[in-house]
């Protein structure tokens, strides 16, 4: 029987190795990366059947990475494995088309179960958070949407700057010039009515661009 091809994305190296050891007898681990940017750069060539990723990652958070992965790898199943117990984030993950949402405190057996269900076209949500999600759906069926006034590239710039990276560092990550990053920042600050870097950070947190 062909083993499912699984890719891991998490910035905690020890956890990635633990997940690898947990799955390697039942899955083919085709890659492991530590940030959302590298995930986007490498996943298309690796063609995983399932991508297991954290929400909180540097350079590009898991939610924004999933949005872009949906376009380049539409058949890949996406499973979030995170410490974040906020049911609002779990609901947004499901609206992005995720096949699973688990907590890192979940039983180890849940991860492989979630992978199996995803490959069968089903969705798995850990019982630890499913009730909170149901209550959210009842109270707010439309859900809070991420800020639609920003383009995907602008959201990337916001995260990098909110993480405290310089214009040059952000430009190196995005493979553009510092002048281009400065232009994006100017347009973002002007369009959102932000005056300071602190306000930009607050905006990033509120709109789930910078996820703790």
C-alpha atoms as a PDB file:
ATOM      1  CA  UNK A   1       0.000   0.000   0.000  1.00  0.00           C
ATOM      2  CA  UNK A   2       1.281   3.457  -0.914  1.00  0.00           C
ATOM      3  CA  UNK A   3       2.042   5.566   2.117  1.00  0.00           C
ATOM      4  CA  UNK A   4       0.528   9.066   2.248  1.00  0.00           C
ATOM      5  CA  UNK A   5       3.038  11.813   1.475  1.00  0.00           C
ATOM      6  CA  UNK A   6       3.109  14.218   4.427  1.00  0.00           C
ATOM      7  CA  UNK A   7       4.875  17.557   4.858  1.00  0.00           C
ATOM      8  CA  UNK A   8       5.434  19.175   8.271  1.00  0.00           C
ATOM      9  CA  UNK A   9       5.685  22.903   9.003  1.00  0.00           C
ATOM     10  CA  UNK A  10       6.454  24.146  12.514  1.00  0.00           C
ATOM     11  CA  UNK A  11       9.102  26.468  13.911  1.00  0.00           C
ATOM     12  CA  UNK A  12       9.709  24.246  16.959  1.00  0.00           C
ATOM     13  CA  UNK A  13      12.418  21.841  15.790  1.00  0.00           C
ATOM     14  CA  UNK A  14      11.968  19.356  18.629  1.00  0.00           C
ATOM     15  CA  UNK A  15       8.262  19.075  17.949  1.00  0.00           C
ATOM     16  CA  UNK A  16       8.842  18.544  14.234  1.00  0.00           C
ATOM     17  CA  UNK A  17      11.208  15.694  15.013  1.00  0.00           C
ATOM     18  CA  UNK A  18       8.679  14.211  17.438  1.00  0.00           C
ATOM     19  CA  UNK A  19       5.939  14.382  14.789  1.00  0.00           C
ATOM     20  CA  UNK A  20       8.303  12.847  12.231  1.00  0.00           C
ATOM     21  CA  UNK A  21       9.065   9.896  14.516  1.00  0.00           C
ATOM     22  CA  UNK A  22       5.369   9.502  15.294  1.00  0.00           C
ATOM     23  CA  UNK A  23       4.344   9.332  11.647  1.00  0.00           C
ATOM     24  CA  UNK A  24       7.285   7.879   9.740  1.00  0.00           C
ATOM     25  CA  UNK A  25       6.180   4.245  10.089  1.00  0.00           C
ATOM     26  CA  UNK A  26       2.766   5.053   8.584  1.00  0.00           C
ATOM     27  CA  UNK A  27       3.548   7.993   6.284  1.00  0.00           C
ATOM     28  CA  UNK A  28       6.251   9.153   3.913  1.00  0.00           C
ATOM     29  CA  UNK A  29       7.578  12.417   5.364  1.00  0.00           C
ATOM     30  CA  UNK A  30       8.558  14.332   2.233  1.00  0.00           C
ATOM     31  CA  UNK A  31       9.719  17.503   3.956  1.00  0.00           C
ATOM     32  CA  UNK A  32       9.837  19.544   7.148  1.00  0.00           C
ATOM     33  CA  UNK A  33      10.162  23.327   7.285  1.00  0.00           C
ATOM     34  CA  UNK A  34      10.159  25.943  10.038  1.00  0.00           C
ATOM     35  CA  UNK A  35       8.313  28.899   8.508  1.00  0.00           C
ATOM     36  CA  UNK A  36       5.397  29.645   6.233  1.00  0.00           C
ATOM     37  CA  UNK A  37       7.535  31.237   3.532  1.00  0.00           C
ATOM     38  CA  UNK A  38       9.699  28.145   3.070  1.00  0.00           C
ATOM     39  CA  UNK A  39       6.565  26.012   3.092  1.00  0.00           C
ATOM     40  CA  UNK A  40       5.163  27.966   0.144  1.00  0.00           C
ATOM     41  CA  UNK A  41       8.488  27.817  -1.691  1.00  0.00           C
ATOM     42  CA  UNK A  42       9.027  24.064  -1.321  1.00  0.00           C
ATOM     43  CA  UNK A  43       5.620  22.378  -1.094  1.00  0.00           C
ATOM     44  CA  UNK A  44       4.678  22.625  -4.816  1.00  0.00           C
ATOM     45  CA  UNK A  45       7.740  20.623  -5.872  1.00  0.00           C
ATOM     46  CA  UNK A  46       7.302  18.027  -3.100  1.00  0.00           C
ATOM     47  CA  UNK A  47       3.603  17.482  -3.900  1.00  0.00           C
ATOM     48  CA  UNK A  48       2.497  16.268  -0.454  1.00  0.00           C
ATOM     49  CA  UNK A  49      -0.885  14.615  -0.004  1.00  0.00           C
ATOM     50  CA  UNK A  50      -1.194  16.199   3.440  1.00  0.00           C
ATOM     51  CA  UNK A  51       0.389  19.290   4.972  1.00  0.00           C
ATOM     52  CA  UNK A  52       0.497  19.470   8.775  1.00  0.00           C
ATOM     53  CA  UNK A  53       1.266  23.010   9.878  1.00  0.00           C
ATOM     54  CA  UNK A  54       1.217  25.333  12.861  1.00  0.00           C
ATOM     55  CA  UNK A  55      -0.705  28.612  12.840  1.00  0.00           C
ATOM     56  CA  UNK A  56       2.011  30.627  14.559  1.00  0.00           C
ATOM     57  CA  UNK A  57       5.064  30.648  12.280  1.00  0.00           C
ATOM     58  CA  UNK A  58       7.596  33.345  11.384  1.00  0.00           C
ATOM     59  CA  UNK A  59       7.804  35.092   7.988  1.00  0.00           C
ATOM     60  CA  UNK A  60       4.288  33.933   7.052  1.00  0.00           C
ATOM     61  CA  UNK A  61       1.669  32.626   9.475  1.00  0.00           C
ATOM     62  CA  UNK A  62      -0.082  29.321   8.900  1.00  0.00           C
ATOM     63  CA  UNK A  63      -3.459  30.823   7.979  1.00  0.00           C
ATOM     64  CA  UNK A  64      -2.033  33.049   5.250  1.00  0.00           C
ATOM     65  CA  UNK A  65       0.182  30.196   4.053  1.00  0.00           C
ATOM     66  CA  UNK A  66      -2.904  27.973   3.800  1.00  0.00           C
ATOM     67  CA  UNK A  67      -4.734  30.609   1.745  1.00  0.00           C
ATOM     68  CA  UNK A  68      -1.936  30.613  -0.803  1.00  0.00           C
ATOM     69  CA  UNK A  69      -1.410  26.842  -0.714  1.00  0.00           C
ATOM     70  CA  UNK A  70      -5.058  26.383  -1.697  1.00  0.00           C
ATOM     71  CA  UNK A  71      -4.224  28.054  -5.025  1.00  0.00           C
ATOM     72  CA  UNK A  72      -1.001  26.201  -5.850  1.00  0.00           C
ATOM     73  CA  UNK A  73      -1.853  22.794  -4.306  1.00  0.00           C
ATOM     74  CA  UNK A  74      -5.643  22.553  -4.444  1.00  0.00           C
ATOM     75  CA  UNK A  75      -5.744  18.789  -3.839  1.00  0.00           C
ATOM     76  CA  UNK A  76      -3.425  18.754  -0.798  1.00  0.00           C
ATOM     77  CA  UNK A  77      -5.158  18.281   2.541  1.00  0.00           C
ATOM     78  CA  UNK A  78      -4.288  20.827   5.218  1.00  0.00           C
ATOM     79  CA  UNK A  79      -4.270  19.967   8.923  1.00  0.00           C
ATOM     80  CA  UNK A  80      -3.500  22.568  11.563  1.00  0.00           C
ATOM     81  CA  UNK A  81      -1.582  21.365  14.631  1.00  0.00           C
ATOM     82  CA  UNK A  82      -1.177  24.221  17.074  1.00  0.00           C
ATOM     83  CA  UNK A  83      -1.083  25.289  20.713  1.00  0.00           C
ATOM     84  CA  UNK A  84      -3.733  27.953  20.020  1.00  0.00           C
ATOM     85  CA  UNK A  85      -7.052  26.997  21.609  1.00  0.00           C
ATOM     86  CA  UNK A  86      -8.977  29.999  20.235  1.00  0.00           C
ATOM     87  CA  UNK A  87     -12.084  28.504  18.574  1.00  0.00           C
ATOM     88  CA  UNK A  88     -12.315  31.609  16.395  1.00  0.00           C
ATOM     89  CA  UNK A  89      -9.013  30.652  14.743  1.00  0.00           C
ATOM     90  CA  UNK A  90     -10.212  27.084  14.323  1.00  0.00           C
ATOM     91  CA  UNK A  91     -13.375  28.311  12.624  1.00  0.00           C
ATOM     92  CA  UNK A  92     -11.322  30.464  10.251  1.00  0.00           C
ATOM     93  CA  UNK A  93      -9.082  27.481   9.491  1.00  0.00           C
ATOM     94  CA  UNK A  94     -12.142  25.448   8.538  1.00  0.00           C
ATOM     95  CA  UNK A  95     -13.429  28.265   6.327  1.00  0.00           C
ATOM     96  CA  UNK A  96     -10.088  28.176   4.522  1.00  0.00           C
ATOM     97  CA  UNK A  97     -10.770  24.558   3.645  1.00  0.00           C
ATOM     98  CA  UNK A  98      -8.675  22.828   6.306  1.00  0.00           C
ATOM     99  CA  UNK A  99      -9.269  19.135   6.828  1.00  0.00           C
ATOM    100  CA  UNK A 100      -8.281  19.138  10.474  1.00  0.00           C
ATOM    101  CA  UNK A 101      -7.571  21.207  13.559  1.00  0.00           C
ATOM    102  CA  UNK A 102      -5.689  19.644  16.463  1.00  0.00           C
ATOM    103  CA  UNK A 103      -3.966  20.965  19.552  1.00  0.00           C
ATOM    104  CA  UNK A 104      -0.409  20.024  20.400  1.00  0.00           C
ATOM    105  CA  UNK A 105      -1.779  18.819  23.727  1.00  0.00           C
ATOM    106  CA  UNK A 106      -4.043  16.362  21.878  1.00  0.00           C
ATOM    107  CA  UNK A 107      -3.360  12.642  22.097  1.00  0.00           C
ATOM    108  CA  UNK A 108      -0.651  11.549  19.674  1.00  0.00           C
ATOM    109  CA  UNK A 109      -3.030   9.071  18.047  1.00  0.00           C
ATOM    110  CA  UNK A 110      -5.274  11.957  16.955  1.00  0.00           C
ATOM    111  CA  UNK A 111      -2.780  13.202  14.385  1.00  0.00           C
ATOM    112  CA  UNK A 112      -2.675  10.013  12.332  1.00  0.00           C
ATOM    113  CA  UNK A 113      -6.441   9.661  12.687  1.00  0.00           C
ATOM    114  CA  UNK A 114      -6.850  13.196  11.320  1.00  0.00           C
ATOM    115  CA  UNK A 115      -4.570  12.352   8.372  1.00  0.00           C
ATOM    116  CA  UNK A 116      -6.557   9.205   7.585  1.00  0.00           C
ATOM    117  CA  UNK A 117      -9.848  11.099   7.705  1.00  0.00           C
ATOM    118  CA  UNK A 118      -8.478  13.919   5.548  1.00  0.00           C
ATOM    119  CA  UNK A 119      -7.410  11.454   2.864  1.00  0.00           C
ATOM    120  CA  UNK A 120     -10.969  10.088   2.860  1.00  0.00           C
ATOM    121  CA  UNK A 121     -12.345  13.565   2.297  1.00  0.00           C
ATOM    122  CA  UNK A 122     -13.522  14.044   5.868  1.00  0.00           C
ATOM    123  CA  UNK A 123     -12.748  16.678   8.505  1.00  0.00           C
ATOM    124  CA  UNK A 124     -11.348  16.049  11.979  1.00  0.00           C
ATOM    125  CA  UNK A 125     -11.471  18.576  14.820  1.00  0.00           C
ATOM    126  CA  UNK A 126     -10.121  17.659  18.230  1.00  0.00           C
ATOM    127  CA  UNK A 127     -12.892  17.279  20.828  1.00  0.00           C
ATOM    128  CA  UNK A 128     -10.979  19.755  23.019  1.00  0.00           C
ATOM    129  CA  UNK A 129     -12.109  22.601  20.807  1.00  0.00           C
ATOM    130  CA  UNK A 130     -15.123  21.395  18.821  1.00  0.00           C
ATOM    131  CA  UNK A 131     -17.733  22.628  21.319  1.00  0.00           C
ATOM    132  CA  UNK A 132     -16.332  26.163  21.272  1.00  0.00           C
ATOM    133  CA  UNK A 133     -16.416  26.106  17.471  1.00  0.00           C
ATOM    134  CA  UNK A 134     -20.047  25.010  17.433  1.00  0.00           C
ATOM    135  CA  UNK A 135     -20.995  27.872  19.754  1.00  0.00           C
ATOM    136  CA  UNK A 136     -19.193  30.332  17.486  1.00  0.00           C
ATOM    137  CA  UNK A 137     -20.987  29.059  14.388  1.00  0.00           C
ATOM    138  CA  UNK A 138     -24.319  29.478  16.168  1.00  0.00           C
ATOM    139  CA  UNK A 139     -23.539  33.024  17.391  1.00  0.00           C
ATOM    140  CA  UNK A 140     -21.815  34.218  14.241  1.00  0.00           C
ATOM    141  CA  UNK A 141     -22.474  32.074  11.136  1.00  0.00           C
ATOM    142  CA  UNK A 142     -20.603  34.475   8.832  1.00  0.00           C
ATOM    143  CA  UNK A 143     -17.548  34.646  11.046  1.00  0.00           C
ATOM    144  CA  UNK A 144     -15.064  37.441  11.474  1.00  0.00           C
ATOM    145  CA  UNK A 145     -13.277  37.933   8.194  1.00  0.00           C
ATOM    146  CA  UNK A 146      -9.628  38.910   7.895  1.00  0.00           C
ATOM    147  CA  UNK A 147      -9.063  42.419   6.652  1.00  0.00           C
ATOM    148  CA  UNK A 148      -9.888  42.416   2.945  1.00  0.00           C
ATOM    149  CA  UNK A 149      -8.402  45.854   2.275  1.00  0.00           C
ATOM    150  CA  UNK A 150      -4.918  44.320   2.139  1.00  0.00           C
ATOM    151  CA  UNK A 151      -3.515  42.246  -0.689  1.00  0.00           C
ATOM    152  CA  UNK A 152      -1.711  38.981   0.131  1.00  0.00           C
ATOM    153  CA  UNK A 153       1.639  40.735  -0.455  1.00  0.00           C
ATOM    154  CA  UNK A 154       0.656  43.576   1.883  1.00  0.00           C
ATOM    155  CA  UNK A 155      -0.286  41.052   4.577  1.00  0.00           C
ATOM    156  CA  UNK A 156       3.166  39.493   4.157  1.00  0.00           C
ATOM    157  CA  UNK A 157       4.811  42.893   4.565  1.00  0.00           C
ATOM    158  CA  UNK A 158       2.728  43.647   7.648  1.00  0.00           C
ATOM    159  CA  UNK A 159       3.725  40.382   9.325  1.00  0.00           C
ATOM    160  CA  UNK A 160       7.423  40.858   8.635  1.00  0.00           C
ATOM    161  CA  UNK A 161       7.442  44.439   9.913  1.00  0.00           C
ATOM    162  CA  UNK A 162       5.279  43.559  12.919  1.00  0.00           C
ATOM    163  CA  UNK A 163       7.810  40.838  13.781  1.00  0.00           C
ATOM    164  CA  UNK A 164      10.367  43.628  14.093  1.00  0.00           C
ATOM    165  CA  UNK A 165      12.266  43.043  10.852  1.00  0.00           C
ATOM    166  CA  UNK A 166      13.920  45.955   9.110  1.00  0.00           C
ATOM    167  CA  UNK A 167      12.992  47.109   5.605  1.00  0.00           C
ATOM    168  CA  UNK A 168      16.079  45.354   4.251  1.00  0.00           C
ATOM    169  CA  UNK A 169      15.370  42.132   6.117  1.00  0.00           C
ATOM    170  CA  UNK A 170      11.769  42.117   4.890  1.00  0.00           C
ATOM    171  CA  UNK A 171      12.970  42.827   1.358  1.00  0.00           C
ATOM    172  CA  UNK A 172      15.425  39.909   1.521  1.00  0.00           C
ATOM    173  CA  UNK A 173      12.646  37.528   2.606  1.00  0.00           C
ATOM    174  CA  UNK A 174      10.274  38.710  -0.128  1.00  0.00           C
ATOM    175  CA  UNK A 175      13.035  38.957  -2.750  1.00  0.00           C
ATOM    176  CA  UNK A 176      12.221  42.586  -3.550  1.00  0.00           C
ATOM    177  CA  UNK A 177      14.027  45.873  -2.946  1.00  0.00           C
ATOM    178  CA  UNK A 178      13.821  47.754   0.379  1.00  0.00           C
ATOM    179  CA  UNK A 179      12.253  50.585  -1.610  1.00  0.00           C
ATOM    180  CA  UNK A 180       9.396  48.281  -2.613  1.00  0.00           C
ATOM    181  CA  UNK A 181       8.814  47.300   1.027  1.00  0.00           C
ATOM    182  CA  UNK A 182       8.863  50.978   2.017  1.00  0.00           C
ATOM    183  CA  UNK A 183       6.279  51.724  -0.672  1.00  0.00           C
ATOM    184  CA  UNK A 184       4.030  48.914   0.571  1.00  0.00           C
ATOM    185  CA  UNK A 185       4.374  50.150   4.159  1.00  0.00           C
ATOM    186  CA  UNK A 186       3.486  53.695   3.134  1.00  0.00           C
ATOM    187  CA  UNK A 187       0.386  52.538   1.252  1.00  0.00           C
ATOM    188  CA  UNK A 188      -0.669  50.268   4.130  1.00  0.00           C
ATOM    189  CA  UNK A 189      -0.227  52.913   6.828  1.00  0.00           C
ATOM    190  CA  UNK A 190      -1.981  55.537   4.734  1.00  0.00           C
ATOM    191  CA  UNK A 191      -4.848  53.261   3.725  1.00  0.00           C
ATOM    192  CA  UNK A 192      -5.505  52.042   7.263  1.00  0.00           C
ATOM    193  CA  UNK A 193      -4.942  55.387   8.948  1.00  0.00           C
ATOM    194  CA  UNK A 194      -2.059  54.085  11.062  1.00  0.00           C
ATOM    195  CA  UNK A 195       0.572  56.488  12.406  1.00  0.00           C
ATOM    196  CA  UNK A 196       3.104  54.400  14.303  1.00  0.00           C
ATOM    197  CA  UNK A 197       4.796  51.003  14.198  1.00  0.00           C
ATOM    198  CA  UNK A 198       3.008  50.120  17.453  1.00  0.00           C
ATOM    199  CA  UNK A 199      -0.344  50.682  15.732  1.00  0.00           C
ATOM    200  CA  UNK A 200       0.814  48.444  12.874  1.00  0.00           C
ATOM    201  CA  UNK A 201       1.637  45.663  15.345  1.00  0.00           C
ATOM    202  CA  UNK A 202      -1.771  46.051  17.001  1.00  0.00           C
ATOM    203  CA  UNK A 203      -3.449  45.863  13.601  1.00  0.00           C
ATOM    204  CA  UNK A 204      -1.447  42.712  12.752  1.00  0.00           C
ATOM    205  CA  UNK A 205      -2.539  40.992  15.960  1.00  0.00           C
ATOM    206  CA  UNK A 206      -6.197  42.042  15.657  1.00  0.00           C
ATOM    207  CA  UNK A 207      -6.400  40.780  12.082  1.00  0.00           C
ATOM    208  CA  UNK A 208      -4.554  37.520  12.757  1.00  0.00           C
ATOM    209  CA  UNK A 209      -1.571  38.423  10.643  1.00  0.00           C
ATOM    210  CA  UNK A 210       0.732  38.134  13.668  1.00  0.00           C
ATOM    211  CA  UNK A 211      -0.506  35.089  15.576  1.00  0.00           C
ATOM    212  CA  UNK A 212       0.821  34.288  19.025  1.00  0.00           C
END
